[in-house]
C-alpha atoms as a PDB file:
ATOM      1  CA  MET A   1      82.971 101.060 -31.969  1.00  0.00           C
ATOM      2  CA  ILE A   2      81.857  97.992 -31.129  1.00  0.00           C
ATOM      3  CA  PRO A   3      77.918  98.157 -29.784  1.00  0.00           C
ATOM      4  CA  PRO A   4      77.594  96.369 -25.921  1.00  0.00           C
ATOM      5  CA  ALA A   5      75.897  92.683 -26.282  1.00  0.00           C
ATOM      6  CA  PHE A   6      72.578  92.243 -26.738  1.00  0.00           C
ATOM      7  CA  ASP A   7      69.766  89.514 -27.152  1.00  0.00           C
ATOM      8  CA  TYR A   8      67.924  89.550 -30.469  1.00  0.00           C
ATOM      9  CA  VAL A   9      64.641  88.205 -31.616  1.00  0.00           C
ATOM     10  CA  ARG A  10      63.083  88.591 -34.905  1.00  0.00           C
ATOM     11  CA  PRO A  11      58.952  87.772 -34.235  1.00  0.00           C
ATOM     12  CA  THR A  12      56.763  87.115 -37.414  1.00  0.00           C
ATOM     13  CA  SER A  13      53.941  89.084 -35.753  1.00  0.00           C
ATOM     14  CA  VAL A  14      52.878  92.525 -34.133  1.00  0.00           C
ATOM     15  CA  ASP A  15      51.710  90.372 -31.456  1.00  0.00           C
ATOM     16  CA  GLU A  16      54.645  88.618 -30.806  1.00  0.00           C
ATOM     17  CA  ALA A  17      56.783  91.924 -31.322  1.00  0.00           C
ATOM     18  CA  VAL A  18      54.527  93.474 -28.291  1.00  0.00           C
ATOM     19  CA  ARG A  19      55.177  90.366 -25.855  1.00  0.00           C
ATOM     20  CA  ALA A  20      58.370  90.997 -26.657  1.00  0.00           C
ATOM     21  CA  LEU A  21      58.673  94.295 -25.925  1.00  0.00           C
ATOM     22  CA  ALA A  22      56.418  94.019 -22.777  1.00  0.00           C
ATOM     23  CA  GLY A  23      58.885  91.191 -21.321  1.00  0.00           C
ATOM     24  CA  ALA A  24      62.102  92.884 -21.689  1.00  0.00           C
ATOM     25  CA  GLY A  25      60.398  96.528 -20.708  1.00  0.00           C
ATOM     26  CA  GLU A  26      62.962  99.753 -21.099  1.00  0.00           C
ATOM     27  CA  ASP A  27      65.821  97.485 -21.830  1.00  0.00           C
ATOM     28  CA  ALA A  28      64.066  96.632 -25.151  1.00  0.00           C
ATOM     29  CA  LYS A  29      64.532  98.734 -28.603  1.00  0.00           C
ATOM     30  CA  VAL A  30      62.729  98.021 -31.745  1.00  0.00           C
ATOM     31  CA  LEU A  31      65.077  97.710 -34.915  1.00  0.00           C
ATOM     32  CA  ALA A  32      63.436  98.433 -37.798  1.00  0.00           C
ATOM     33  CA  GLY A  33      65.327 100.198 -40.793  1.00  0.00           C
ATOM     34  CA  GLY A  34      68.023 100.658 -38.366  1.00  0.00           C
ATOM     35  CA  GLN A  35      69.538 103.832 -39.748  1.00  0.00           C
ATOM     36  CA  SER A  36      68.875 105.521 -36.352  1.00  0.00           C
ATOM     37  CA  LEU A  37      69.352 102.589 -33.890  1.00  0.00           C
ATOM     38  CA  LEU A  38      72.604 101.083 -35.269  1.00  0.00           C
ATOM     39  CA  PRO A  39      74.616 104.297 -34.706  1.00  0.00           C
ATOM     40  CA  LEU A  40      73.313 104.875 -31.030  1.00  0.00           C
ATOM     41  CA  LEU A  41      74.378 101.233 -30.676  1.00  0.00           C
ATOM     42  CA  ARG A  42      77.868 101.383 -32.269  1.00  0.00           C
ATOM     43  CA  LEU A  43      78.369 104.999 -30.378  1.00  0.00           C
ATOM     44  CA  ARG A  44      76.985 103.473 -26.705  1.00  0.00           C
ATOM     45  CA  LEU A  45      74.314 106.014 -26.720  1.00  0.00           C
ATOM     46  CA  ALA A  46      72.439 103.078 -25.899  1.00  0.00           C
ATOM     47  CA  PHE A  47      72.489  99.653 -23.908  1.00  0.00           C
ATOM     48  CA  PRO A  48      69.661  97.940 -25.213  1.00  0.00           C
ATOM     49  CA  GLU A  49      69.388  93.882 -23.427  1.00  0.00           C
ATOM     50  CA  LEU A  50      66.963  93.245 -26.137  1.00  0.00           C
ATOM     51  CA  VAL A  51      66.502  94.504 -29.864  1.00  0.00           C
ATOM     52  CA  VAL A  52      63.587  93.375 -31.578  1.00  0.00           C
ATOM     53  CA  ASP A  53      63.608  93.308 -35.304  1.00  0.00           C
ATOM     54  CA  VAL A  54      60.440  94.135 -36.811  1.00  0.00           C
ATOM     55  CA  GLY A  55      61.690  94.119 -40.570  1.00  0.00           C
ATOM     56  CA  ARG A  56      59.882  90.613 -41.103  1.00  0.00           C
ATOM     57  CA  ILE A  57      56.277  91.340 -39.504  1.00  0.00           C
ATOM     58  CA  PRO A  58      54.037  91.541 -42.584  1.00  0.00           C
ATOM     59  CA  GLY A  59      51.192  93.784 -43.003  1.00  0.00           C
ATOM     60  CA  LEU A  60      53.616  96.542 -41.501  1.00  0.00           C
ATOM     61  CA  ARG A  61      54.359  98.009 -45.206  1.00  0.00           C
ATOM     62  CA  GLY A  62      52.277  99.826 -47.612  1.00  0.00           C
ATOM     63  CA  VAL A  63      49.841 102.746 -48.488  1.00  0.00           C
ATOM     64  CA  ARG A  64      46.134 102.426 -48.721  1.00  0.00           C
ATOM     65  CA  GLU A  65      43.839 104.545 -48.404  1.00  0.00           C
ATOM     66  CA  ASP A  66      40.719 105.590 -45.542  1.00  0.00           C
ATOM     67  CA  GLY A  67      38.437 107.875 -46.628  1.00  0.00           C
ATOM     68  CA  ASP A  68      39.775 111.140 -46.410  1.00  0.00           C
ATOM     69  CA  THR A  69      42.755 109.740 -44.632  1.00  0.00           C
ATOM     70  CA  LEU A  70      45.985 108.128 -46.050  1.00  0.00           C
ATOM     71  CA  VAL A  71      47.325 105.277 -44.040  1.00  0.00           C
ATOM     72  CA  ILE A  72      50.890 104.501 -44.220  1.00  0.00           C
ATOM     73  CA  GLY A  73      52.208 101.184 -43.077  1.00  0.00           C
ATOM     74  CA  ALA A  74      55.493 101.496 -39.846  1.00  0.00           C
ATOM     75  CA  MET A  75      57.780  99.770 -41.903  1.00  0.00           C
ATOM     76  CA  THR A  76      57.205 101.544 -45.422  1.00  0.00           C
ATOM     77  CA  THR A  77      60.431 102.933 -46.750  1.00  0.00           C
ATOM     78  CA  HIS A  78      61.815 106.214 -47.173  1.00  0.00           C
ATOM     79  CA  HIS A  79      61.810 105.355 -50.884  1.00  0.00           C
ATOM     80  CA  ASP A  80      58.546 103.819 -51.012  1.00  0.00           C
ATOM     81  CA  VAL A  81      56.912 107.231 -49.673  1.00  0.00           C
ATOM     82  CA  VAL A  82      59.040 109.083 -52.234  1.00  0.00           C
ATOM     83  CA  HIS A  83      57.815 107.005 -55.241  1.00  0.00           C
ATOM     84  CA  ASP A  84      54.001 106.234 -53.519  1.00  0.00           C
ATOM     85  CA  PRO A  85      51.511 107.586 -56.099  1.00  0.00           C
ATOM     86  CA  LEU A  86      48.799 107.981 -53.195  1.00  0.00           C
ATOM     87  CA  VAL A  87      51.746 109.796 -51.263  1.00  0.00           C
ATOM     88  CA  ARG A  88      52.410 112.221 -54.303  1.00  0.00           C
ATOM     89  CA  ARG A  89      48.968 112.727 -54.902  1.00  0.00           C
ATOM     90  CA  HIS A  90      47.362 113.488 -51.191  1.00  0.00           C
ATOM     91  CA  ALA A  91      50.110 114.114 -49.293  1.00  0.00           C
ATOM     92  CA  GLY A  92      52.632 115.845 -51.378  1.00  0.00           C
ATOM     93  CA  LEU A  93      54.539 117.695 -48.668  1.00  0.00           C
ATOM     94  CA  LEU A  94      55.784 114.522 -47.038  1.00  0.00           C
ATOM     95  CA  ALA A  95      57.016 112.802 -50.438  1.00  0.00           C
ATOM     96  CA  ALA A  96      58.853 116.024 -51.016  1.00  0.00           C
ATOM     97  CA  ALA A  97      60.597 116.250 -47.684  1.00  0.00           C
ATOM     98  CA  THR A  98      61.392 112.749 -47.730  1.00  0.00           C
ATOM     99  CA  ALA A  99      63.265 112.988 -50.783  1.00  0.00           C
ATOM    100  CA  THR A 100      65.815 115.310 -48.813  1.00  0.00           C
ATOM    101  CA  VAL A 101      66.480 112.793 -46.315  1.00  0.00           C
ATOM    102  CA  ALA A 102      69.774 111.609 -46.337  1.00  0.00           C
ATOM    103  CA  ASP A 103      71.145 109.918 -49.297  1.00  0.00           C
ATOM    104  CA  PRO A 104      69.734 106.837 -51.451  1.00  0.00           C
ATOM    105  CA  ALA A 105      71.442 103.985 -49.160  1.00  0.00           C
ATOM    106  CA  VAL A 106      69.666 105.359 -46.270  1.00  0.00           C
ATOM    107  CA  ARG A 107      66.229 105.970 -48.269  1.00  0.00           C
ATOM    108  CA  HIS A 108      66.024 102.370 -49.160  1.00  0.00           C
ATOM    109  CA  ARG A 109      66.729 101.077 -45.445  1.00  0.00           C
ATOM    110  CA  GLY A 110      65.071 103.912 -43.238  1.00  0.00           C
ATOM    111  CA  THR A 111      61.290 103.896 -42.420  1.00  0.00           C
ATOM    112  CA  LEU A 112      58.871 106.773 -41.936  1.00  0.00           C
ATOM    113  CA  ALA A 113      58.025 105.107 -38.505  1.00  0.00           C
ATOM    114  CA  GLY A 114      60.981 105.250 -37.456  1.00  0.00           C
ATOM    115  CA  SER A 115      62.450 108.311 -38.040  1.00  0.00           C
ATOM    116  CA  LEU A 116      59.561 109.202 -36.262  1.00  0.00           C
ATOM    117  CA  ALA A 117      59.501 107.043 -33.094  1.00  0.00           C
ATOM    118  CA  HIS A 118      63.541 108.209 -32.881  1.00  0.00           C
ATOM    119  CA  ALA A 119      62.057 111.533 -32.207  1.00  0.00           C
ATOM    120  CA  ASP A 120      65.184 113.518 -33.286  1.00  0.00           C
ATOM    121  CA  PRO A 121      64.096 117.507 -33.746  1.00  0.00           C
ATOM    122  CA  ALA A 122      66.960 117.988 -36.666  1.00  0.00           C
ATOM    123  CA  GLY A 123      65.280 114.914 -38.348  1.00  0.00           C
ATOM    124  CA  ASP A 124      63.276 116.167 -41.519  1.00  0.00           C
ATOM    125  CA  LEU A 125      59.884 114.237 -40.898  1.00  0.00           C
ATOM    126  CA  PRO A 126      58.578 114.900 -37.471  1.00  0.00           C
ATOM    127  CA  ALA A 127      58.004 118.458 -38.547  1.00  0.00           C
ATOM    128  CA  VAL A 128      56.596 117.335 -41.970  1.00  0.00           C
ATOM    129  CA  VAL A 129      53.875 115.209 -39.941  1.00  0.00           C
ATOM    130  CA  LEU A 130      53.199 117.958 -37.358  1.00  0.00           C
ATOM    131  CA  ALA A 131      52.455 120.707 -40.183  1.00  0.00           C
ATOM    132  CA  LEU A 132      49.774 117.637 -41.610  1.00  0.00           C
ATOM    133  CA  ASP A 133      48.392 117.135 -38.543  1.00  0.00           C
ATOM    134  CA  GLY A 134      49.043 113.536 -38.656  1.00  0.00           C
ATOM    135  CA  GLU A 135      48.237 110.868 -36.295  1.00  0.00           C
ATOM    136  CA  LEU A 136      50.708 107.906 -35.013  1.00  0.00           C
ATOM    137  CA  VAL A 137      48.830 104.304 -34.318  1.00  0.00           C
ATOM    138  CA  ALA A 138      51.115 102.099 -31.624  1.00  0.00           C
ATOM    139  CA  GLN A 139      50.005  99.119 -30.860  1.00  0.00           C
ATOM    140  CA  GLY A 140      50.912  97.866 -27.000  1.00  0.00           C
ATOM    141  CA  PRO A 141      49.315  94.917 -24.565  1.00  0.00           C
ATOM    142  CA  ARG A 142      46.435  96.910 -23.522  1.00  0.00           C
ATOM    143  CA  GLY A 143      45.643  97.217 -27.798  1.00  0.00           C
ATOM    144  CA  ARG A 144      45.905  99.896 -30.039  1.00  0.00           C
ATOM    145  CA  ARG A 145      45.907 104.004 -29.545  1.00  0.00           C
ATOM    146  CA  THR A 146      45.920 106.546 -31.886  1.00  0.00           C
ATOM    147  CA  ILE A 147      48.267 109.960 -30.904  1.00  0.00           C
ATOM    148  CA  ALA A 148      47.953 113.280 -32.253  1.00  0.00           C
ATOM    149  CA  ALA A 149      51.531 114.434 -33.831  1.00  0.00           C
ATOM    150  CA  ARG A 150      51.316 117.132 -31.592  1.00  0.00           C
ATOM    151  CA  ASP A 151      51.163 114.956 -28.538  1.00  0.00           C
ATOM    152  CA  PHE A 152      53.681 112.318 -30.006  1.00  0.00           C
ATOM    153  CA  PHE A 153      57.014 114.517 -29.681  1.00  0.00           C
ATOM    154  CA  VAL A 154      57.834 115.280 -25.886  1.00  0.00           C
ATOM    155  CA  ASP A 155      61.320 116.047 -25.450  1.00  0.00           C
ATOM    156  CA  TYR A 156      64.822 115.351 -27.498  1.00  0.00           C
ATOM    157  CA  LEU A 157      64.873 112.408 -28.587  1.00  0.00           C
ATOM    158  CA  GLN A 158      61.707 111.371 -26.587  1.00  0.00           C
ATOM    159  CA  SER A 159      58.005 110.218 -27.859  1.00  0.00           C
ATOM    160  CA  SER A 160      54.952 109.568 -25.742  1.00  0.00           C
ATOM    161  CA  LEU A 161      55.162 105.768 -26.749  1.00  0.00           C
ATOM    162  CA  GLU A 162      55.142 103.374 -23.833  1.00  0.00           C
ATOM    163  CA  PRO A 163      58.124 100.762 -23.489  1.00  0.00           C
ATOM    164  CA  ASP A 164      55.756  97.947 -24.536  1.00  0.00           C
ATOM    165  CA  GLU A 165      54.531  99.572 -27.427  1.00  0.00           C
ATOM    166  CA  LEU A 166      55.015  99.313 -31.069  1.00  0.00           C
ATOM    167  CA  LEU A 167      54.512 101.853 -33.883  1.00  0.00           C
ATOM    168  CA  VAL A 168      52.103 100.154 -36.323  1.00  0.00           C
ATOM    169  CA  GLU A 169      50.927 103.174 -38.713  1.00  0.00           C
ATOM    170  CA  VAL A 170      50.834 106.642 -39.751  1.00  0.00           C
ATOM    171  CA  ARG A 171      47.968 108.531 -40.786  1.00  0.00           C
ATOM    172  CA  LEU A 172      47.213 112.008 -42.406  1.00  0.00           C
ATOM    173  CA  PRO A 173      44.998 113.742 -43.506  1.00  0.00           C
ATOM    174  CA  LYS A 174      44.933 114.204 -47.281  1.00  0.00           C
ATOM    175  CA  SER A 175      46.154 117.858 -48.262  1.00  0.00           C
ATOM    176  CA  ASP A 176      44.881 118.113 -51.527  1.00  0.00           C
ATOM    177  CA  GLY A 177      44.149 121.072 -53.334  1.00  0.00           C
ATOM    178  CA  TRP A 178      47.408 122.832 -50.936  1.00  0.00           C
ATOM    179  CA  GLY A 179      50.239 123.929 -51.840  1.00  0.00           C
ATOM    180  CA  PHE A 180      53.087 122.531 -50.216  1.00  0.00           C
ATOM    181  CA  HIS A 181      57.262 123.100 -50.163  1.00  0.00           C
ATOM    182  CA  TYR A 182      60.132 121.737 -47.759  1.00  0.00           C
ATOM    183  CA  GLU A 183      63.114 124.302 -47.602  1.00  0.00           C
ATOM    184  CA  LYS A 184      66.649 123.588 -45.197  1.00  0.00           C
ATOM    185  CA  PHE A 185      69.582 124.420 -44.935  1.00  0.00           C
ATOM    186  CA  HIS A 186      72.449 122.506 -44.204  1.00  0.00           C
ATOM    187  CA  ARG A 187      76.343 122.906 -44.038  1.00  0.00           C
ATOM    188  CA  VAL A 188      76.668 120.025 -46.270  1.00  0.00           C
ATOM    189  CA  SER A 189      74.945 117.646 -48.589  1.00  0.00           C
ATOM    190  CA  GLN A 190      73.023 114.512 -46.546  1.00  0.00           C
ATOM    191  CA  SER A 191      73.956 116.348 -43.370  1.00  0.00           C
ATOM    192  CA  TRP A 192      71.384 117.166 -40.610  1.00  0.00           C
ATOM    193  CA  ALA A 193      69.627 120.545 -41.365  1.00  0.00           C
ATOM    194  CA  MET A 194      70.438 123.630 -39.352  1.00  0.00           C
ATOM    195  CA  VAL A 195      67.077 124.717 -39.521  1.00  0.00           C
ATOM    196  CA  GLY A 196      64.320 123.047 -41.948  1.00  0.00           C
ATOM    197  CA  VAL A 197      60.439 124.341 -42.560  1.00  0.00           C
ATOM    198  CA  ALA A 198      57.595 122.242 -43.632  1.00  0.00           C
ATOM    199  CA  ALA A 199      54.931 124.922 -45.079  1.00  0.00           C
ATOM    200  CA  LEU A 200      51.427 124.039 -46.324  1.00  0.00           C
ATOM    201  CA  VAL A 201      49.490 126.881 -47.814  1.00  0.00           C
ATOM    202  CA  ARG A 202      45.428 126.515 -49.032  1.00  0.00           C
ATOM    203  CA  ARG A 203      44.654 129.734 -50.973  1.00  0.00           C
ATOM    204  CA  ASP A 204      40.830 130.955 -51.844  1.00  0.00           C
ATOM    205  CA  ASP A 205      40.298 134.119 -54.379  1.00  0.00           C
ATOM    206  CA  GLY A 206      44.273 135.018 -54.766  1.00  0.00           C
ATOM    207  CA  HIS A 207      44.836 135.103 -50.906  1.00  0.00           C
ATOM    208  CA  ILE A 208      46.291 132.557 -48.292  1.00  0.00           C
ATOM    209  CA  ALA A 209      43.434 131.318 -46.254  1.00  0.00           C
ATOM    210  CA  GLU A 210      45.042 129.146 -43.905  1.00  0.00           C
ATOM    211  CA  ALA A 211      48.644 128.028 -43.799  1.00  0.00           C
ATOM    212  CA  ARG A 212      50.693 125.223 -41.487  1.00  0.00           C
ATOM    213  CA  ILE A 213      54.155 125.563 -40.933  1.00  0.00           C
ATOM    214  CA  GLY A 214      55.902 123.135 -39.159  1.00  0.00           C
ATOM    215  CA  LEU A 215      59.554 123.791 -37.973  1.00  0.00           C
ATOM    216  CA  THR A 216      63.022 121.592 -37.968  1.00  0.00           C
ATOM    217  CA  ASN A 217      65.732 122.264 -34.999  1.00  0.00           C
ATOM    218  CA  MET A 218      64.467 124.963 -33.645  1.00  0.00           C
ATOM    219  CA  ALA A 219      63.669 123.174 -30.233  1.00  0.00           C
ATOM    220  CA  ALA A 220      63.973 119.877 -28.220  1.00  0.00           C
ATOM    221  CA  THR A 221      60.605 118.775 -30.306  1.00  0.00           C
ATOM    222  CA  PRO A 222      59.458 119.539 -33.847  1.00  0.00           C
ATOM    223  CA  LEU A 223      57.380 123.214 -33.370  1.00  0.00           C
ATOM    224  CA  ARG A 224      54.480 124.703 -35.215  1.00  0.00           C
ATOM    225  CA  ALA A 225      55.031 128.593 -35.965  1.00  0.00           C
ATOM    226  CA  THR A 226      52.056 129.328 -34.889  1.00  0.00           C
ATOM    227  CA  ALA A 227      52.268 133.304 -34.626  1.00  0.00           C
ATOM    228  CA  THR A 228      52.940 132.998 -38.299  1.00  0.00           C
ATOM    229  CA  GLU A 229      50.251 130.569 -39.322  1.00  0.00           C
ATOM    230  CA  GLN A 230      47.787 132.970 -37.842  1.00  0.00           C
ATOM    231  CA  ALA A 231      49.778 136.407 -39.714  1.00  0.00           C
ATOM    232  CA  LEU A 232      49.433 134.371 -42.822  1.00  0.00           C
ATOM    233  CA  THR A 233      45.809 134.485 -43.015  1.00  0.00           C
ATOM    234  CA  GLY A 234      44.541 137.079 -45.902  1.00  0.00           C
ATOM    235  CA  ALA A 235      48.214 137.700 -47.449  1.00  0.00           C
ATOM    236  CA  GLY A 236      48.215 138.106 -50.938  1.00  0.00           C
ATOM    237  CA  ASP A 237      51.780 139.473 -51.826  1.00  0.00           C
ATOM    238  CA  ALA A 238      54.845 138.581 -50.991  1.00  0.00           C
ATOM    239  CA  GLU A 239      55.475 141.792 -48.822  1.00  0.00           C
ATOM    240  CA  ALA A 240      52.289 140.272 -46.499  1.00  0.00           C
ATOM    241  CA  VAL A 241      53.999 136.958 -46.415  1.00  0.00           C
ATOM    242  CA  ALA A 242      57.587 138.606 -45.674  1.00  0.00           C
ATOM    243  CA  ARG A 243      55.731 140.351 -42.349  1.00  0.00           C
ATOM    244  CA  ALA A 244      54.158 137.236 -41.586  1.00  0.00           C
ATOM    245  CA  ALA A 245      57.802 135.617 -41.577  1.00  0.00           C
ATOM    246  CA  GLU A 246      59.252 137.698 -39.246  1.00  0.00           C
ATOM    247  CA  SER A 247      57.593 136.000 -36.539  1.00  0.00           C
ATOM    248  CA  ALA A 248      58.602 132.531 -37.439  1.00  0.00           C
ATOM    249  CA  ALA A 249      60.876 132.259 -34.654  1.00  0.00           C
ATOM    250  CA  GLU A 250      58.673 133.211 -31.867  1.00  0.00           C
ATOM    251  CA  GLY A 251      58.411 130.647 -29.288  1.00  0.00           C
ATOM    252  CA  THR A 252      61.230 128.411 -30.429  1.00  0.00           C
ATOM    253  CA  HIS A 253      64.105 127.677 -28.434  1.00  0.00           C
ATOM    254  CA  ALA A 254      67.041 126.877 -30.674  1.00  0.00           C
ATOM    255  CA  SER A 255      70.367 125.422 -29.737  1.00  0.00           C
ATOM    256  CA  GLN A 256      73.707 126.365 -30.291  1.00  0.00           C
ATOM    257  CA  ASP A 257      76.750 124.138 -31.081  1.00  0.00           C
ATOM    258  CA  ALA A 258      79.154 123.531 -33.471  1.00  0.00           C
ATOM    259  CA  SER A 259      76.978 124.695 -36.517  1.00  0.00           C
ATOM    260  CA  ALA A 260      75.306 127.834 -35.528  1.00  0.00           C
ATOM    261  CA  THR A 261      73.920 129.919 -32.900  1.00  0.00           C
ATOM    262  CA  PRO A 262      70.798 130.304 -31.754  1.00  0.00           C
ATOM    263  CA  GLU A 263      70.403 134.011 -32.810  1.00  0.00           C
ATOM    264  CA  TYR A 264      71.757 132.356 -36.362  1.00  0.00           C
ATOM    265  CA  ARG A 265      68.824 129.590 -36.465  1.00  0.00           C
ATOM    266  CA  GLU A 266      66.180 132.493 -35.373  1.00  0.00           C
ATOM    267  CA  HIS A 267      67.318 134.156 -38.470  1.00  0.00           C
ATOM    268  CA  LEU A 268      67.173 131.244 -40.639  1.00  0.00           C
ATOM    269  CA  THR A 269      63.876 130.116 -39.420  1.00  0.00           C
ATOM    270  CA  ARG A 270      62.721 133.808 -40.795  1.00  0.00           C
ATOM    271  CA  VAL A 271      64.231 133.493 -43.997  1.00  0.00           C
ATOM    272  CA  LEU A 272      63.268 129.832 -45.104  1.00  0.00           C
ATOM    273  CA  THR A 273      59.851 130.456 -43.818  1.00  0.00           C
ATOM    274  CA  ARG A 274      59.406 133.346 -45.940  1.00  0.00           C
ATOM    275  CA  ARG A 275      61.513 130.918 -48.970  1.00  0.00           C
ATOM    276  CA  ALA A 276      59.090 128.076 -48.070  1.00  0.00           C
ATOM    277  CA  VAL A 277      55.409 129.697 -48.203  1.00  0.00           C
ATOM    278  CA  LEU A 278      55.916 132.055 -50.584  1.00  0.00           C
ATOM    279  CA  ALA A 279      57.017 128.716 -52.887  1.00  0.00           C
ATOM    280  CA  ALA A 280      53.749 126.669 -51.489  1.00  0.00           C
ATOM    281  CA  ALA A 281      52.011 129.505 -52.319  1.00  0.00           C
ATOM    282  CA  GLY A 282      52.911 129.912 -56.060  1.00  0.00           C
ATOM    283  CA  MET A 283      53.944 133.238 -55.383  1.00  0.00           C
ATOM    284  CA  GLY A 284      57.922 133.016 -55.621  1.00  0.00           C
END
């Protein structure tokens, strides 16, 4: 299907992009890697009057350290995230999960910030950044502001970004010393996950001292499995992990579609949480 007509600009700075967005208001869309926006345009699910292409703005790509925080530029592609040595060393969960996104063609074009701004609960990366206690930095006419991942995703395909704001970087606390694993179930290779589980585990003296678990595609936004996180504290064997995983679907609101019923998604959440935690804790 051919998308509707729209105006197109390619700013050369963040300030120029913000001015373009502010001038168009809610009638503008940001084009980063295009892997989320272009399908919406082709299917006529989005009708922007202006598309702001930020792909050529310098300084929005790359990974750097800022003390105990890893800073990832908004235009950093999935491919670069997977292969960046700083990400692999300090945020291994993100690298592992990003390697499962779609196919190599999408990973070479799609961007981390684009995926997060799209706010699709079936996407792999929102739940991962949520589990990592990440922060997202937006720039608009009023300057920069930092948004915690837990406050960023507000509804299906909706984030807390204002229409005149541009996502410029993602900030992740370093997770050195934590075990990690991303487990997902999908019907065919490269399709959206029916359910995904991002697990981070810190062990002390053979027992789980702390756990963080992000859930993919179990509500209108990514979720944390807080009941299971709490139940995992002190777990020292596979049986204790399995018991804690039985609470993983609490507080979720799974949808029904052609792929699965809510009950089946809840079952998958419990099973995949157990597998992900065991792998992250080195108990599998």
